[in-house]
Amino acid sequence: ESRSNGTKFNRGDYVGDDFVDRFSFKIDAFATCGGYTPESQARIFDTSNPGDGQIDGDPDLGSPNMMCPNGGGPGRGIYGRPGRDGENCTPQGNVLVIQESDKATPDDNKKGGVLCFEATPGTSLDFVSIGLLGIARGPGSFLQAEVVDQVAPVQIPFDGLGMNSVQTVPIHLDGVSKLCLFLSGEGAVTNLSLCERRGSRFLTESMIGARKASPVIIAAKRSNLRRRTIA
């Protein structure tokens, strides 16, 4: 939920090297056809305050969905409604987006782009899964991982669940030096589940998410990790 210096992340903050000291990876963002990624940074989008979509923000990334129980939330989109595969009834807090343009309000880029999570030198990451929000329905977006001692990158295709949907994509890759999410259109990263292959302690903690129950990034550090079978 905070940077290495202890300061909290806020709606509209740009992030890049903010996790290097604590979790040994950086974030790079690259926009397609427009977009705004100063110094290759991604942006924090607060799903509890997504804007109205007219002159401010994007309710497609709101959470929970407006049709959820107990009054719902600010999210709009049929694929996030209760009972759908992408049901969006658990608050998602802060998420990461590729910013659409140089403006004050956070807004994901309609034409998509690439979000990369790269381990620092001497470190690799064991990725379990990635959480996503509002990925265009059907194929088009995919994950690509660079694995230590492996020449060709590993591609992981998946189908997006549609506007305002929440989904988790399994990864199950060990020894990853870089993981990139290629977005064909709008969308956001809600969480990462991973282990770092360096350090002497094991921990699980929230890094960006405003909520405690389901943080944006869950990271674990431990020494002498055993390789898992790639699923």
C-alpha atoms as a PDB file:
ATOM      1  CA  GLU A   1       0.000   0.000   0.000  1.00  0.00           C
ATOM      2  CA  SER A   2       3.000   2.300   0.242  1.00  0.00           C
ATOM      3  CA  ARG A   3       6.345   3.153  -1.302  1.00  0.00           C
ATOM      4  CA  SER A   4       9.690   2.170   0.174  1.00  0.00           C
ATOM      5  CA  ASN A   5       9.778   5.460   2.095  1.00  0.00           C
ATOM      6  CA  GLY A   6       6.412   4.719   3.707  1.00  0.00           C
ATOM      7  CA  THR A   7       4.301   7.245   1.779  1.00  0.00           C
ATOM      8  CA  LYS A   8       0.896   6.023   0.602  1.00  0.00           C
ATOM      9  CA  PHE A   9      -0.141   5.659  -3.017  1.00  0.00           C
ATOM     10  CA  ASN A  10      -2.939   7.989  -4.085  1.00  0.00           C
ATOM     11  CA  ARG A  11      -5.330   8.209  -7.019  1.00  0.00           C
ATOM     12  CA  GLY A  12      -3.414   9.507 -10.033  1.00  0.00           C
ATOM     13  CA  ASP A  13       0.106   8.725  -8.806  1.00  0.00           C
ATOM     14  CA  TYR A  14       2.567   7.482 -11.424  1.00  0.00           C
ATOM     15  CA  VAL A  15       4.632   4.431 -10.446  1.00  0.00           C
ATOM     16  CA  GLY A  16       7.725   2.751 -11.845  1.00  0.00           C
ATOM     17  CA  ASP A  17      10.685   2.110  -9.546  1.00  0.00           C
ATOM     18  CA  ASP A  18       8.607   2.360  -6.369  1.00  0.00           C
ATOM     19  CA  PHE A  19       8.850  -1.358  -5.551  1.00  0.00           C
ATOM     20  CA  VAL A  20      12.542  -1.969  -6.232  1.00  0.00           C
ATOM     21  CA  ASP A  21      13.765  -1.617  -2.647  1.00  0.00           C
ATOM     22  CA  ARG A  22      10.988  -3.665  -1.028  1.00  0.00           C
ATOM     23  CA  PHE A  23      10.203  -6.291  -3.655  1.00  0.00           C
ATOM     24  CA  SER A  24      13.048  -6.165  -6.195  1.00  0.00           C
ATOM     25  CA  PHE A  25      11.083  -5.396  -9.347  1.00  0.00           C
ATOM     26  CA  LYS A  26      10.144  -2.330 -11.350  1.00  0.00           C
ATOM     27  CA  ILE A  27       7.105  -1.501 -13.454  1.00  0.00           C
ATOM     28  CA  ASP A  28       7.274  -0.189 -17.026  1.00  0.00           C
ATOM     29  CA  ALA A  29       4.321   0.988 -19.113  1.00  0.00           C
ATOM     30  CA  PHE A  30       4.247   1.495 -22.881  1.00  0.00           C
ATOM     31  CA  ALA A  31       1.152   2.890 -24.606  1.00  0.00           C
ATOM     32  CA  THR A  32      -0.192   1.983 -28.035  1.00  0.00           C
ATOM     33  CA  CYS A  33      -1.628   4.715 -30.293  1.00  0.00           C
ATOM     34  CA  GLY A  34      -1.577   7.631 -27.911  1.00  0.00           C
ATOM     35  CA  GLY A  35      -1.410   7.156 -24.195  1.00  0.00           C
ATOM     36  CA  TYR A  36       0.777   8.935 -21.686  1.00  0.00           C
ATOM     37  CA  THR A  37       3.521   7.095 -19.797  1.00  0.00           C
ATOM     38  CA  PRO A  38       6.050   9.644 -18.460  1.00  0.00           C
ATOM     39  CA  GLU A  39       9.388   7.891 -17.914  1.00  0.00           C
ATOM     40  CA  SER A  40       7.590   4.636 -18.820  1.00  0.00           C
ATOM     41  CA  GLN A  41       5.449   4.784 -15.679  1.00  0.00           C
ATOM     42  CA  ALA A  42       2.029   3.226 -15.044  1.00  0.00           C
ATOM     43  CA  ARG A  43      -0.682   5.099 -13.137  1.00  0.00           C
ATOM     44  CA  ILE A  44      -2.760   4.398 -10.035  1.00  0.00           C
ATOM     45  CA  PHE A  45      -6.518   4.217 -10.700  1.00  0.00           C
ATOM     46  CA  ASP A  46      -8.877   4.221  -7.703  1.00  0.00           C
ATOM     47  CA  THR A  47     -11.780   1.901  -8.555  1.00  0.00           C
ATOM     48  CA  SER A  48     -13.877   3.340  -5.718  1.00  0.00           C
ATOM     49  CA  ASN A  49     -13.670   6.754  -7.408  1.00  0.00           C
ATOM     50  CA  PRO A  50     -13.567   6.035 -11.164  1.00  0.00           C
ATOM     51  CA  GLY A  51     -15.277   9.215 -12.386  1.00  0.00           C
ATOM     52  CA  ASP A  52     -18.437   9.486 -14.468  1.00  0.00           C
ATOM     53  CA  GLY A  53     -16.890   8.768 -17.864  1.00  0.00           C
ATOM     54  CA  GLN A  54     -18.163  11.994 -19.401  1.00  0.00           C
ATOM     55  CA  ILE A  55     -15.425  14.443 -18.542  1.00  0.00           C
ATOM     56  CA  ASP A  56     -13.762  12.495 -15.750  1.00  0.00           C
ATOM     57  CA  GLY A  57     -12.372   8.974 -15.518  1.00  0.00           C
ATOM     58  CA  ASP A  58     -13.883   5.672 -16.585  1.00  0.00           C
ATOM     59  CA  PRO A  59     -16.699   3.861 -14.690  1.00  0.00           C
ATOM     60  CA  ASP A  60     -15.866   0.701 -16.688  1.00  0.00           C
ATOM     61  CA  LEU A  61     -13.098   0.273 -14.103  1.00  0.00           C
ATOM     62  CA  GLY A  62     -15.290   1.050 -11.108  1.00  0.00           C
ATOM     63  CA  SER A  63     -15.695  -1.492  -8.328  1.00  0.00           C
ATOM     64  CA  PRO A  64     -17.973  -2.987  -7.126  1.00  0.00           C
ATOM     65  CA  ASN A  65     -20.407  -3.166 -10.043  1.00  0.00           C
ATOM     66  CA  MET A  66     -23.519  -1.003  -9.663  1.00  0.00           C
ATOM     67  CA  MET A  67     -25.785  -4.100  -9.684  1.00  0.00           C
ATOM     68  CA  CYS A  68     -24.074  -5.830  -6.754  1.00  0.00           C
ATOM     69  CA  PRO A  69     -25.916  -6.351  -3.421  1.00  0.00           C
ATOM     70  CA  ASN A  70     -26.057  -3.743  -0.669  1.00  0.00           C
ATOM     71  CA  GLY A  71     -26.428  -0.837  -3.058  1.00  0.00           C
ATOM     72  CA  GLY A  72     -23.658  -1.808  -5.426  1.00  0.00           C
ATOM     73  CA  GLY A  73     -20.791   0.486  -6.318  1.00  0.00           C
ATOM     74  CA  PRO A  74     -19.601   2.857  -9.050  1.00  0.00           C
ATOM     75  CA  GLY A  75     -18.732   0.157 -11.612  1.00  0.00           C
ATOM     76  CA  ARG A  76     -20.668   0.006 -14.882  1.00  0.00           C
ATOM     77  CA  GLY A  77     -20.662  -2.872 -17.353  1.00  0.00           C
ATOM     78  CA  ILE A  78     -22.784  -5.980 -17.876  1.00  0.00           C
ATOM     79  CA  TYR A  79     -19.873  -8.406 -17.516  1.00  0.00           C
ATOM     80  CA  GLY A  80     -19.189  -7.346 -13.949  1.00  0.00           C
ATOM     81  CA  ARG A  81     -22.743  -7.962 -12.763  1.00  0.00           C
ATOM     82  CA  PRO A  82     -23.559 -10.603 -10.122  1.00  0.00           C
ATOM     83  CA  GLY A  83     -23.662 -14.136 -11.519  1.00  0.00           C
ATOM     84  CA  ARG A  84     -21.372 -13.399 -14.460  1.00  0.00           C
ATOM     85  CA  ASP A  85     -18.011 -15.159 -14.867  1.00  0.00           C
ATOM     86  CA  GLY A  86     -16.365 -11.805 -14.215  1.00  0.00           C
ATOM     87  CA  GLU A  87     -18.562 -10.848 -11.248  1.00  0.00           C
ATOM     88  CA  ASN A  88     -17.208  -7.633  -9.741  1.00  0.00           C
ATOM     89  CA  CYS A  89     -18.743  -7.481  -6.264  1.00  0.00           C
ATOM     90  CA  THR A  90     -15.566  -7.400  -4.159  1.00  0.00           C
ATOM     91  CA  PRO A  91     -14.030  -3.894  -3.930  1.00  0.00           C
ATOM     92  CA  GLN A  92     -10.793  -3.786  -5.931  1.00  0.00           C
ATOM     93  CA  GLY A  93      -9.266  -0.634  -4.439  1.00  0.00           C
ATOM     94  CA  ASN A  94      -6.291   0.808  -6.332  1.00  0.00           C
ATOM     95  CA  VAL A  95      -5.286  -0.773  -9.647  1.00  0.00           C
ATOM     96  CA  LEU A  96      -2.627  -0.122 -12.295  1.00  0.00           C
ATOM     97  CA  VAL A  97      -3.432   1.301 -15.737  1.00  0.00           C
ATOM     98  CA  ILE A  98      -1.707   2.657 -18.818  1.00  0.00           C
ATOM     99  CA  GLN A  99      -2.783   6.295 -18.802  1.00  0.00           C
ATOM    100  CA  GLU A 100      -4.760   7.465 -21.855  1.00  0.00           C
ATOM    101  CA  SER A 101      -3.476  11.048 -22.139  1.00  0.00           C
ATOM    102  CA  ASP A 102      -1.709  13.799 -20.220  1.00  0.00           C
ATOM    103  CA  LYS A 103      -4.604  14.897 -18.033  1.00  0.00           C
ATOM    104  CA  ALA A 104      -5.296  15.233 -14.327  1.00  0.00           C
ATOM    105  CA  THR A 105      -7.754  12.336 -14.129  1.00  0.00           C
ATOM    106  CA  PRO A 106      -6.606   8.692 -14.263  1.00  0.00           C
ATOM    107  CA  ASP A 107      -8.083   6.860 -17.272  1.00  0.00           C
ATOM    108  CA  ASP A 108      -6.972   3.662 -19.019  1.00  0.00           C
ATOM    109  CA  ASN A 109      -5.796   3.896 -22.632  1.00  0.00           C
ATOM    110  CA  LYS A 110      -8.473   2.756 -25.112  1.00  0.00           C
ATOM    111  CA  LYS A 111      -5.841   1.421 -27.516  1.00  0.00           C
ATOM    112  CA  GLY A 112      -4.048  -0.588 -24.866  1.00  0.00           C
ATOM    113  CA  GLY A 113      -0.311  -1.094 -24.603  1.00  0.00           C
ATOM    114  CA  VAL A 114       2.126  -3.103 -22.504  1.00  0.00           C
ATOM    115  CA  LEU A 115       2.660  -3.307 -18.726  1.00  0.00           C
ATOM    116  CA  CYS A 116       5.893  -5.025 -17.657  1.00  0.00           C
ATOM    117  CA  PHE A 117       7.117  -6.228 -14.277  1.00  0.00           C
ATOM    118  CA  GLU A 118      10.898  -6.703 -14.405  1.00  0.00           C
ATOM    119  CA  ALA A 119      13.069  -8.234 -11.691  1.00  0.00           C
ATOM    120  CA  THR A 120      16.171  -6.343 -10.609  1.00  0.00           C
ATOM    121  CA  PRO A 121      19.584  -7.793 -11.615  1.00  0.00           C
ATOM    122  CA  GLY A 122      20.445 -10.918  -9.644  1.00  0.00           C
ATOM    123  CA  THR A 123      16.802 -11.585  -8.820  1.00  0.00           C
ATOM    124  CA  SER A 124      14.074 -13.653 -10.438  1.00  0.00           C
ATOM    125  CA  LEU A 125      10.393 -14.018  -9.632  1.00  0.00           C
ATOM    126  CA  ASP A 126       8.078 -17.000  -9.305  1.00  0.00           C
ATOM    127  CA  PHE A 127       4.689 -15.866 -10.629  1.00  0.00           C
ATOM    128  CA  VAL A 128       1.525 -17.607  -9.479  1.00  0.00           C
ATOM    129  CA  SER A 129      -1.202 -15.448 -11.033  1.00  0.00           C
ATOM    130  CA  ILE A 130      -2.261 -11.988 -12.127  1.00  0.00           C
ATOM    131  CA  GLY A 131      -5.584 -10.289 -11.435  1.00  0.00           C
ATOM    132  CA  LEU A 132      -7.224  -8.168 -14.122  1.00  0.00           C
ATOM    133  CA  LEU A 133     -10.151  -5.767 -14.446  1.00  0.00           C
ATOM    134  CA  GLY A 134     -12.161  -4.720 -17.490  1.00  0.00           C
ATOM    135  CA  ILE A 135     -10.249  -6.644 -20.174  1.00  0.00           C
ATOM    136  CA  ALA A 136     -11.971  -6.584 -23.587  1.00  0.00           C
ATOM    137  CA  ARG A 137     -14.106  -9.689 -24.078  1.00  0.00           C
ATOM    138  CA  GLY A 138     -12.501 -12.530 -26.022  1.00  0.00           C
ATOM    139  CA  PRO A 139      -8.930 -13.121 -27.244  1.00  0.00           C
ATOM    140  CA  GLY A 140      -6.428 -10.412 -28.125  1.00  0.00           C
ATOM    141  CA  SER A 141      -4.591  -9.673 -24.895  1.00  0.00           C
ATOM    142  CA  PHE A 142      -1.888 -12.030 -23.599  1.00  0.00           C
ATOM    143  CA  LEU A 143       0.984 -12.454 -21.134  1.00  0.00           C
ATOM    144  CA  GLN A 144       4.610 -12.974 -22.109  1.00  0.00           C
ATOM    145  CA  ALA A 145       7.329 -14.085 -19.697  1.00  0.00           C
ATOM    146  CA  GLU A 146      11.102 -14.115 -20.028  1.00  0.00           C
ATOM    147  CA  VAL A 147      12.436 -17.039 -18.005  1.00  0.00           C
ATOM    148  CA  VAL A 148      16.020 -17.362 -16.758  1.00  0.00           C
ATOM    149  CA  ASP A 149      18.083 -19.879 -18.812  1.00  0.00           C
ATOM    150  CA  GLN A 150      15.322 -20.158 -21.399  1.00  0.00           C
ATOM    151  CA  VAL A 151      15.915 -18.643 -24.846  1.00  0.00           C
ATOM    152  CA  ALA A 152      12.369 -18.217 -26.143  1.00  0.00           C
ATOM    153  CA  PRO A 153       9.808 -16.215 -24.144  1.00  0.00           C
ATOM    154  CA  VAL A 154       6.733 -18.034 -22.848  1.00  0.00           C
ATOM    155  CA  GLN A 155       3.378 -16.721 -24.056  1.00  0.00           C
ATOM    156  CA  ILE A 156       0.206 -17.217 -22.030  1.00  0.00           C
ATOM    157  CA  PRO A 157      -2.944 -16.418 -24.041  1.00  0.00           C
ATOM    158  CA  PHE A 158      -6.232 -15.806 -22.271  1.00  0.00           C
ATOM    159  CA  ASP A 159      -9.727 -14.570 -23.044  1.00  0.00           C
ATOM    160  CA  GLY A 160     -10.841 -11.309 -21.490  1.00  0.00           C
ATOM    161  CA  LEU A 161     -14.182 -11.452 -19.677  1.00  0.00           C
ATOM    162  CA  GLY A 162     -15.469  -8.063 -20.794  1.00  0.00           C
ATOM    163  CA  MET A 163     -16.338  -4.592 -19.563  1.00  0.00           C
ATOM    164  CA  ASN A 164     -16.102  -4.185 -15.763  1.00  0.00           C
ATOM    165  CA  SER A 165     -15.272  -7.877 -15.270  1.00  0.00           C
ATOM    166  CA  VAL A 166     -12.789  -9.167 -12.698  1.00  0.00           C
ATOM    167  CA  GLN A 167     -10.660 -12.214 -13.500  1.00  0.00           C
ATOM    168  CA  THR A 168      -7.553 -14.075 -12.373  1.00  0.00           C
ATOM    169  CA  VAL A 169      -5.158 -15.529 -14.958  1.00  0.00           C
ATOM    170  CA  PRO A 170      -2.950 -18.409 -13.705  1.00  0.00           C
ATOM    171  CA  ILE A 171       0.751 -18.129 -14.569  1.00  0.00           C
ATOM    172  CA  HIS A 172       2.683 -20.744 -12.532  1.00  0.00           C
ATOM    173  CA  LEU A 173       6.129 -19.893 -13.899  1.00  0.00           C
ATOM    174  CA  ASP A 174       9.327 -19.924 -11.833  1.00  0.00           C
ATOM    175  CA  GLY A 175      12.551 -18.005 -12.458  1.00  0.00           C
ATOM    176  CA  VAL A 176      10.940 -15.162 -14.410  1.00  0.00           C
ATOM    177  CA  SER A 177      13.109 -12.126 -15.145  1.00  0.00           C
ATOM    178  CA  LYS A 178      10.308 -10.149 -16.810  1.00  0.00           C
ATOM    179  CA  LEU A 179       6.541 -10.558 -17.148  1.00  0.00           C
ATOM    180  CA  CYS A 180       4.649  -8.359 -19.621  1.00  0.00           C
ATOM    181  CA  LEU A 181       0.910  -7.930 -20.093  1.00  0.00           C
ATOM    182  CA  PHE A 182       0.015  -7.025 -23.685  1.00  0.00           C
ATOM    183  CA  LEU A 183      -3.345  -5.250 -23.726  1.00  0.00           C
ATOM    184  CA  SER A 184      -5.313  -4.998 -26.966  1.00  0.00           C
ATOM    185  CA  GLY A 185      -7.539  -2.337 -25.423  1.00  0.00           C
ATOM    186  CA  GLU A 186      -8.655  -1.001 -22.066  1.00  0.00           C
ATOM    187  CA  GLY A 187      -7.978  -2.767 -18.794  1.00  0.00           C
ATOM    188  CA  ALA A 188      -6.151  -2.751 -15.466  1.00  0.00           C
ATOM    189  CA  VAL A 189      -4.033  -4.952 -13.204  1.00  0.00           C
ATOM    190  CA  THR A 190      -5.663  -5.578  -9.827  1.00  0.00           C
ATOM    191  CA  ASN A 191      -3.085  -7.882  -8.224  1.00  0.00           C
ATOM    192  CA  LEU A 192       0.016  -9.998  -8.683  1.00  0.00           C
ATOM    193  CA  SER A 193       0.787 -13.126  -6.702  1.00  0.00           C
ATOM    194  CA  LEU A 194       4.520 -13.902  -6.718  1.00  0.00           C
ATOM    195  CA  CYS A 195       7.607 -15.023  -4.822  1.00  0.00           C
ATOM    196  CA  GLU A 196      11.005 -13.342  -4.994  1.00  0.00           C
ATOM    197  CA  ARG A 197      14.077 -15.555  -5.364  1.00  0.00           C
ATOM    198  CA  ARG A 198      16.304 -13.591  -3.030  1.00  0.00           C
ATOM    199  CA  GLY A 199      16.136 -12.692   0.638  1.00  0.00           C
ATOM    200  CA  SER A 200      16.001 -14.448   3.973  1.00  0.00           C
ATOM    201  CA  ARG A 201      12.411 -13.925   5.006  1.00  0.00           C
ATOM    202  CA  PHE A 202       8.962 -15.001   3.883  1.00  0.00           C
ATOM    203  CA  LEU A 203       6.184 -12.462   3.896  1.00  0.00           C
ATOM    204  CA  THR A 204       2.864 -11.557   2.354  1.00  0.00           C
ATOM    205  CA  GLU A 205       1.780  -7.953   2.283  1.00  0.00           C
ATOM    206  CA  SER A 206      -0.202  -5.385   0.351  1.00  0.00           C
ATOM    207  CA  MET A 207       1.768  -2.987  -1.823  1.00  0.00           C
ATOM    208  CA  ILE A 208      -0.680  -0.757  -3.624  1.00  0.00           C
ATOM    209  CA  GLY A 209      -4.221  -1.790  -2.785  1.00  0.00           C
ATOM    210  CA  ALA A 210      -6.328   0.448  -0.611  1.00  0.00           C
ATOM    211  CA  ARG A 211      -8.132  -2.591   0.767  1.00  0.00           C
ATOM    212  CA  LYS A 212      -6.474  -5.141   3.050  1.00  0.00           C
ATOM    213  CA  ALA A 213      -8.466  -8.225   2.104  1.00  0.00           C
ATOM    214  CA  SER A 214      -7.431  -8.232  -1.546  1.00  0.00           C
ATOM    215  CA  PRO A 215      -4.289  -6.156  -2.172  1.00  0.00           C
ATOM    216  CA  VAL A 216      -3.110  -5.088  -5.601  1.00  0.00           C
ATOM    217  CA  ILE A 217       0.172  -6.916  -5.266  1.00  0.00           C
ATOM    218  CA  ILE A 218       0.908  -9.847  -3.004  1.00  0.00           C
ATOM    219  CA  ALA A 219       4.599 -10.671  -2.784  1.00  0.00           C
ATOM    220  CA  ALA A 220       6.531 -13.305  -0.897  1.00  0.00           C
ATOM    221  CA  LYS A 221      10.275 -13.323  -0.214  1.00  0.00           C
ATOM    222  CA  ARG A 222      12.142 -16.439   0.809  1.00  0.00           C
ATOM    223  CA  SER A 223      15.574 -17.994   0.328  1.00  0.00           C
ATOM    224  CA  ASN A 224      16.386 -21.271  -1.464  1.00  0.00           C
ATOM    225  CA  LEU A 225      13.012 -21.628  -3.139  1.00  0.00           C
ATOM    226  CA  ARG A 226      12.324 -24.958  -4.805  1.00  0.00           C
ATOM    227  CA  ARG A 227      11.269 -24.985  -8.417  1.00  0.00           C
ATOM    228  CA  ARG A 228       7.610 -25.780  -9.017  1.00  0.00           C
ATOM    229  CA  THR A 229       6.299 -27.715 -11.991  1.00  0.00           C
ATOM    230  CA  ILE A 230       5.158 -25.345 -14.732  1.00  0.00           C
ATOM    231  CA  ALA A 231       1.413 -25.828 -15.127  1.00  0.00           C
END
